[in-house]
Amino acid sequence: MKGKDSNLPLSNLPVGQFGQVIYLDDNDLKRRFLDLGITPHTVIKTERLNPAGNPIAYNIRGTIIAIRKEEAKNILVKIL
């Protein structure tokens, strides 16, 4: 999948897929994202979905971090 159609919210990135951060949206959460190492150009992999669908586990810079779906929607990624 290439082109601008390959950009999507992190919450929609399929398990096992890699995405590169393009944009951080919510200013209230931006500081938290930056503290977690989620910066533009960071490569993130979706590791697991909770059976209930929330939160979602992501591999960010070698660390597994669980992020709620509502928060992950504020991170735009490009599928790699």
Protein backbone atom coordinates (compact mmCIF):
# COMPACT_ATOMS: atom_id res chain seq x y z
CA MET A 1 0.00 0.00 0.00
CA LYS A 2 1.66 3.23 -1.12
CA GLY A 3 0.62 6.83 -1.60
CA LYS A 4 -1.50 9.02 0.60
CA ASP A 5 -4.05 6.22 1.05
CA SER A 6 -1.45 4.50 3.23
CA ASN A 7 -1.84 7.21 5.93
CA LEU A 8 -4.17 6.29 8.77
CA PRO A 9 -4.71 6.75 12.50
CA LEU A 10 -2.46 4.55 14.63
CA SER A 11 -5.58 2.95 16.11
CA ASN A 12 -6.33 1.45 12.66
CA LEU A 13 -2.84 0.00 12.05
CA PRO A 14 -3.27 -3.80 11.74
CA VAL A 15 -1.50 -6.18 14.15
CA GLY A 16 1.99 -7.03 12.90
CA GLN A 17 2.13 -3.97 10.63
CA PHE A 18 4.69 -1.16 10.90
CA GLY A 19 3.83 2.52 10.59
CA GLN A 20 5.89 5.70 10.68
CA VAL A 21 4.53 8.67 12.64
CA ILE A 22 3.55 11.52 10.33
CA TYR A 23 1.61 13.83 12.65
CA LEU A 24 0.53 14.17 16.29
CA ASP A 25 -2.87 15.82 16.58
CA ASP A 26 -4.24 16.48 20.07
CA ASN A 27 -2.26 19.25 21.82
CA ASP A 28 -3.38 18.01 25.25
CA LEU A 29 -1.89 14.56 24.54
CA LYS A 30 1.10 15.74 22.50
CA ARG A 31 3.35 16.12 25.57
CA ARG A 32 2.47 12.57 26.72
CA PHE A 33 3.20 11.17 23.24
CA LEU A 34 6.55 12.94 23.15
CA ASP A 35 7.39 11.62 26.64
CA LEU A 36 6.65 8.08 25.39
CA GLY A 37 9.08 8.56 22.48
CA ILE A 38 6.34 9.02 19.89
CA THR A 39 7.79 11.73 17.67
CA PRO A 40 7.51 12.38 13.93
CA HIS A 41 9.33 9.68 11.91
CA THR A 42 9.22 7.15 14.79
CA VAL A 43 8.48 3.63 13.55
CA ILE A 44 5.72 1.88 15.51
CA LYS A 45 4.52 -1.72 15.25
CA THR A 46 1.11 -2.89 16.43
CA GLU A 47 1.81 -5.90 18.64
CA ARG A 48 -1.52 -6.99 20.16
CA LEU A 49 -5.15 -6.12 20.50
CA ASN A 50 -6.89 -6.54 23.82
CA PRO A 51 -9.81 -9.01 23.39
CA ALA A 52 -12.12 -6.15 24.40
CA GLY A 53 -10.41 -3.93 21.77
CA ASN A 54 -8.93 -1.45 24.20
CA PRO A 55 -6.06 -0.72 24.91
CA ILE A 56 -3.80 -1.70 22.02
CA ALA A 57 -0.16 -2.76 22.57
CA TYR A 58 2.44 -1.08 20.36
CA ASN A 59 6.19 -1.59 20.01
CA ILE A 60 7.69 1.88 20.24
CA ARG A 61 11.50 2.10 20.14
CA GLY A 62 11.82 -1.47 21.49
CA THR A 63 9.33 -1.02 24.34
CA ILE A 64 5.78 -2.39 24.42
CA ILE A 65 3.37 0.39 25.39
CA ALA A 66 -0.41 0.10 25.70
CA ILE A 67 -2.35 3.07 24.35
CA ARG A 68 -6.11 3.54 24.46
CA LYS A 69 -7.82 3.58 21.10
CA GLU A 70 -9.17 7.10 21.73
CA GLU A 71 -5.61 8.38 22.19
CA ALA A 72 -4.12 6.39 19.30
CA LYS A 73 -6.60 8.04 16.93
CA ASN A 74 -4.64 11.27 17.42
CA ILE A 75 -1.46 9.82 15.89
CA LEU A 76 -1.33 9.73 12.08
CA VAL A 77 1.00 7.10 10.63
CA LYS A 78 2.18 6.07 7.18
CA ILE A 79 2.11 2.31 6.58
CA LEU A 80 5.58 0.91 5.87
